[in-house]
N, C-alpha and C. Protein backbone atom coordinates (compact mmCIF):
# COMPACT_ATOMS: atom_id res chain seq x y z
N MET A 1 0.82 -1.19 -0.05
CA MET A 1 -0.02 0.02 0.02
C MET A 1 0.95 1.29 -0.03
N ASP A 2 0.51 2.33 -0.77
CA ASP A 2 1.31 3.43 -0.92
C ASP A 2 0.61 4.52 -0.01
N SER A 3 1.09 4.57 1.28
CA SER A 3 0.33 5.33 2.24
C SER A 3 0.51 6.96 1.88
N GLU A 4 1.46 7.24 1.12
CA GLU A 4 1.64 8.65 0.74
C GLU A 4 0.48 9.20 -0.23
N ARG A 5 -0.07 8.38 -0.89
CA ARG A 5 -1.07 8.70 -1.99
C ARG A 5 -2.48 8.25 -1.53
N VAL A 6 -2.66 7.55 -0.49
CA VAL A 6 -4.10 7.24 0.04
C VAL A 6 -4.62 8.60 0.74
N PRO A 7 -5.85 8.86 0.25
CA PRO A 7 -6.48 9.97 0.78
C PRO A 7 -6.77 9.96 2.30
N GLU A 8 -6.85 11.09 3.06
CA GLU A 8 -6.93 11.08 4.42
C GLU A 8 -8.43 10.47 4.59
N ASP A 9 -8.64 9.80 5.80
CA ASP A 9 -9.85 9.29 6.24
C ASP A 9 -10.88 10.42 6.56
N THR A 10 -12.08 10.21 6.29
CA THR A 10 -13.22 11.09 6.63
C THR A 10 -14.17 10.49 7.66
N ALA A 11 -15.08 11.10 8.14
CA ALA A 11 -15.94 10.70 8.97
C ALA A 11 -16.79 9.51 8.40
N GLN A 12 -17.12 9.59 6.98
CA GLN A 12 -17.90 8.69 6.41
C GLN A 12 -17.13 7.49 5.77
N CYS A 13 -15.74 7.70 5.52
CA CYS A 13 -14.99 6.70 4.76
C CYS A 13 -13.50 6.49 5.24
N SER A 14 -13.18 5.27 5.29
CA SER A 14 -11.82 4.98 5.72
C SER A 14 -11.07 4.36 4.47
N TYR A 15 -10.01 4.89 4.05
CA TYR A 15 -9.31 4.55 2.96
C TYR A 15 -8.28 3.49 3.20
N GLU A 16 -8.13 2.36 2.52
CA GLU A 16 -7.14 1.41 2.80
C GLU A 16 -6.07 1.40 1.70
N ALA A 17 -6.53 1.62 0.39
CA ALA A 17 -5.61 1.54 -0.69
C ALA A 17 -6.20 2.50 -1.76
N VAL A 18 -5.37 2.68 -2.80
CA VAL A 18 -5.91 3.35 -4.09
C VAL A 18 -5.67 2.42 -5.31
N ASN A 19 -6.86 2.42 -6.02
CA ASN A 19 -6.84 1.49 -7.22
C ASN A 19 -6.32 2.23 -8.37
N ARG A 20 -5.31 1.68 -8.97
CA ARG A 20 -4.72 2.39 -10.08
C ARG A 20 -4.73 1.40 -11.44
N ARG A 21 -5.18 2.05 -12.46
CA ARG A 21 -5.16 1.18 -13.67
C ARG A 21 -3.85 0.91 -14.23
N LYS A 22 -3.65 -0.30 -14.55
CA LYS A 22 -2.23 -0.70 -14.99
C LYS A 22 -2.33 -0.88 -16.53
N SER A 23 -3.53 -1.31 -17.09
CA SER A 23 -3.60 -1.39 -18.55
C SER A 23 -5.09 -1.40 -18.96
N ILE A 24 -5.25 -1.03 -20.23
CA ILE A 24 -6.67 -1.03 -20.73
C ILE A 24 -6.38 -1.53 -22.26
N SER A 25 -7.42 -2.37 -22.74
CA SER A 25 -7.36 -2.82 -24.07
C SER A 25 -8.65 -2.38 -24.72
N VAL A 26 -8.34 -1.80 -26.01
CA VAL A 26 -9.48 -1.17 -26.65
C VAL A 26 -9.68 -1.78 -28.10
N TYR A 27 -10.93 -2.04 -28.39
CA TYR A 27 -11.10 -2.46 -29.82
C TYR A 27 -12.66 -2.12 -30.12
N SER A 28 -12.95 -2.27 -31.38
CA SER A 28 -14.27 -1.92 -31.81
C SER A 28 -14.62 -2.63 -33.05
N LYS A 29 -15.92 -2.47 -33.52
CA LYS A 29 -16.33 -2.98 -34.60
C LYS A 29 -16.14 -1.97 -35.79
N VAL A 30 -15.72 -0.78 -35.53
CA VAL A 30 -15.56 0.17 -36.49
C VAL A 30 -14.30 -0.15 -37.42
N PRO A 31 -14.51 -0.16 -38.82
CA PRO A 31 -13.39 -0.52 -39.75
C PRO A 31 -12.19 0.26 -39.46
N GLY A 32 -11.06 -0.37 -39.41
CA GLY A 32 -9.88 0.21 -39.11
C GLY A 32 -9.38 0.19 -37.60
N PHE A 33 -10.28 -0.28 -36.84
CA PHE A 33 -10.01 -0.20 -35.43
C PHE A 33 -10.52 -1.67 -34.70
N THR A 34 -10.50 -2.69 -35.55
CA THR A 34 -10.99 -3.98 -35.04
C THR A 34 -9.90 -4.80 -34.34
N ASP A 35 -8.60 -4.36 -34.47
CA ASP A 35 -7.59 -4.97 -33.68
C ASP A 35 -7.41 -4.37 -32.31
N PRO A 36 -7.24 -5.19 -31.27
CA PRO A 36 -7.14 -4.62 -29.98
C PRO A 36 -5.71 -3.68 -29.97
N THR A 37 -6.01 -2.57 -29.18
CA THR A 37 -4.85 -1.84 -28.80
C THR A 37 -4.65 -1.77 -27.23
N CYS A 38 -3.52 -2.18 -26.77
CA CYS A 38 -3.40 -2.30 -25.23
C CYS A 38 -2.48 -1.08 -24.87
N PHE A 39 -3.10 -0.37 -23.83
CA PHE A 39 -2.27 0.79 -23.32
C PHE A 39 -1.94 0.27 -21.94
N VAL A 40 -0.62 0.41 -21.72
CA VAL A 40 -0.04 0.05 -20.47
C VAL A 40 0.43 1.23 -19.53
N SER A 41 0.13 1.30 -18.33
CA SER A 41 0.45 2.51 -17.51
C SER A 41 1.82 2.51 -17.03
N LYS A 42 2.40 3.70 -17.15
CA LYS A 42 3.72 3.96 -16.72
C LYS A 42 3.49 4.92 -15.48
N GLU A 43 4.48 5.54 -15.06
CA GLU A 43 4.13 6.50 -13.95
C GLU A 43 3.33 7.61 -14.12
N ASP A 44 3.23 8.14 -15.25
CA ASP A 44 2.32 9.29 -15.61
C ASP A 44 0.92 8.92 -15.99
N SER A 45 -0.04 8.96 -14.89
CA SER A 45 -1.41 8.56 -15.33
C SER A 45 -2.05 9.53 -16.17
N GLN A 46 -1.68 10.74 -16.28
CA GLN A 46 -2.24 11.62 -17.21
C GLN A 46 -2.01 11.21 -18.71
N ASP A 47 -0.71 10.99 -18.96
CA ASP A 47 -0.40 10.48 -20.20
C ASP A 47 -1.12 9.24 -20.66
N PHE A 48 -1.13 8.28 -19.66
CA PHE A 48 -1.99 7.00 -19.90
C PHE A 48 -3.41 7.34 -20.29
N ASP A 49 -4.11 8.16 -19.51
CA ASP A 49 -5.44 8.52 -19.82
C ASP A 49 -5.57 9.28 -20.97
N GLY A 50 -4.65 10.16 -21.33
CA GLY A 50 -4.66 11.00 -22.54
C GLY A 50 -4.56 9.98 -23.80
N ARG A 51 -3.63 9.11 -23.82
CA ARG A 51 -3.34 8.14 -24.88
C ARG A 51 -4.76 7.31 -25.09
N PHE A 52 -5.29 6.89 -24.07
CA PHE A 52 -6.54 6.07 -24.15
C PHE A 52 -7.67 7.00 -24.65
N VAL A 53 -7.92 8.05 -24.27
CA VAL A 53 -9.03 8.95 -24.55
C VAL A 53 -8.75 9.33 -26.12
N TYR A 54 -7.57 9.59 -26.39
CA TYR A 54 -7.35 9.99 -27.92
C TYR A 54 -7.70 8.85 -28.63
N LYS A 55 -7.36 7.67 -28.47
CA LYS A 55 -7.68 6.54 -29.31
C LYS A 55 -9.30 6.49 -29.30
N LEU A 56 -9.90 6.64 -28.28
CA LEU A 56 -11.44 6.64 -28.30
C LEU A 56 -12.00 7.64 -29.22
N LEU A 57 -11.41 8.85 -29.23
CA LEU A 57 -11.66 9.99 -30.16
C LEU A 57 -11.60 9.54 -31.52
N LEU A 58 -10.47 9.00 -31.82
CA LEU A 58 -10.20 8.47 -33.32
C LEU A 58 -11.30 7.60 -33.73
N ILE A 59 -11.56 6.51 -32.83
CA ILE A 59 -12.59 5.72 -33.33
C ILE A 59 -13.91 6.41 -33.46
N ALA A 60 -14.26 7.24 -32.46
CA ALA A 60 -15.55 7.94 -32.70
C ALA A 60 -15.65 8.84 -33.96
N ARG A 61 -14.57 9.33 -34.26
CA ARG A 61 -14.50 10.32 -35.48
C ARG A 61 -14.66 9.41 -36.60
N SER A 62 -14.08 8.32 -36.69
CA SER A 62 -14.06 7.44 -37.83
C SER A 62 -15.48 6.83 -38.03
N ALA A 63 -16.03 6.40 -36.93
CA ALA A 63 -17.43 5.97 -36.87
C ALA A 63 -18.43 6.98 -37.41
N LYS A 64 -18.21 8.22 -37.02
CA LYS A 64 -19.16 9.31 -37.44
C LYS A 64 -18.97 9.49 -38.93
N ARG A 65 -17.83 9.55 -39.36
CA ARG A 65 -17.62 9.68 -41.02
C ARG A 65 -18.23 8.36 -41.55
N ASN A 66 -18.02 7.24 -41.14
CA ASN A 66 -18.70 6.05 -41.78
C ASN A 66 -20.06 6.17 -41.89
N MET A 67 -20.85 6.59 -40.73
CA MET A 67 -22.25 6.68 -40.63
C MET A 67 -22.73 7.88 -41.65
N GLN A 68 -21.90 8.89 -41.60
CA GLN A 68 -22.45 9.99 -42.49
C GLN A 68 -22.30 9.59 -43.99
N HIS A 69 -21.30 8.94 -44.34
CA HIS A 69 -21.22 8.27 -45.66
C HIS A 69 -22.22 7.33 -46.11
N LYS A 70 -22.57 6.56 -45.10
CA LYS A 70 -23.64 5.50 -45.32
C LYS A 70 -24.98 6.01 -45.55
N PHE A 71 -25.26 7.10 -44.65
CA PHE A 71 -26.66 7.65 -44.76
C PHE A 71 -26.70 8.84 -45.76
N ARG A 72 -25.64 9.33 -46.24
CA ARG A 72 -25.55 10.29 -47.20
C ARG A 72 -26.32 9.83 -48.49
N LEU A 73 -26.17 8.66 -49.00
CA LEU A 73 -26.81 7.99 -50.04
C LEU A 73 -28.40 8.06 -49.93
N ILE A 74 -28.71 7.65 -48.77
CA ILE A 74 -30.10 7.53 -48.31
C ILE A 74 -30.78 8.94 -48.33
N GLU A 75 -29.95 9.86 -47.79
CA GLU A 75 -30.46 11.30 -47.65
C GLU A 75 -30.68 11.89 -49.16
N ARG A 76 -29.75 11.55 -50.06
CA ARG A 76 -29.82 12.05 -51.42
C ARG A 76 -31.17 11.47 -52.01
N LYS A 77 -31.42 10.22 -51.79
CA LYS A 77 -32.53 9.55 -52.50
C LYS A 77 -33.73 10.15 -51.89
N CYS A 78 -33.81 10.39 -50.57
CA CYS A 78 -35.05 11.09 -49.98
C CYS A 78 -35.21 12.50 -50.62
N GLY A 79 -34.13 13.11 -50.88
CA GLY A 79 -34.29 14.53 -51.23
C GLY A 79 -34.80 14.48 -52.71
N MET A 80 -34.27 13.42 -53.55
CA MET A 80 -34.75 13.22 -54.82
C MET A 80 -36.25 12.93 -55.02
N CYS A 81 -36.70 12.13 -54.05
CA CYS A 81 -38.17 11.62 -54.01
C CYS A 81 -38.98 12.90 -53.73
N VAL A 82 -38.51 13.74 -52.77
CA VAL A 82 -39.31 14.99 -52.29
C VAL A 82 -39.35 15.96 -53.60
N THR A 83 -38.21 16.14 -54.21
CA THR A 83 -38.20 16.88 -55.41
C THR A 83 -39.15 16.53 -56.40
N GLU A 84 -39.06 15.18 -56.67
CA GLU A 84 -40.00 14.68 -57.76
C GLU A 84 -41.47 14.71 -57.25
N GLN A 85 -41.81 14.64 -56.06
CA GLN A 85 -43.17 14.86 -55.76
C GLN A 85 -43.54 16.24 -55.83
N ARG A 86 -42.78 17.27 -55.68
CA ARG A 86 -42.97 18.66 -55.58
C ARG A 86 -43.36 19.15 -57.22
N ARG A 87 -42.47 18.45 -58.08
CA ARG A 87 -42.61 18.67 -59.47
C ARG A 87 -43.86 18.03 -60.09
N SER A 88 -44.27 16.99 -59.55
CA SER A 88 -45.65 16.33 -60.10
C SER A 88 -46.85 16.92 -59.65
N ARG A 89 -46.65 17.82 -58.63
CA ARG A 89 -47.96 18.46 -58.27
C ARG A 89 -48.39 19.63 -59.25
């Protein structure tokens, strides 16, 4: 137990230890991100968290682009249908 980093006890809580992440594995169904990426903690937890969150942002941005592309075709078809209906009136 690392007593220097354990928070002070309070009236409601008595701390015994601090839980620190040592590693996180990330993968998804998003194309380009289907292989697991493992992040291993070093001493700098902010760097560890930053690398992990950055990977999640990359996955989210890619998923957003994929969905926009997928639904762009449907959106165009819907737009053409509306235009054709207006012309036929």
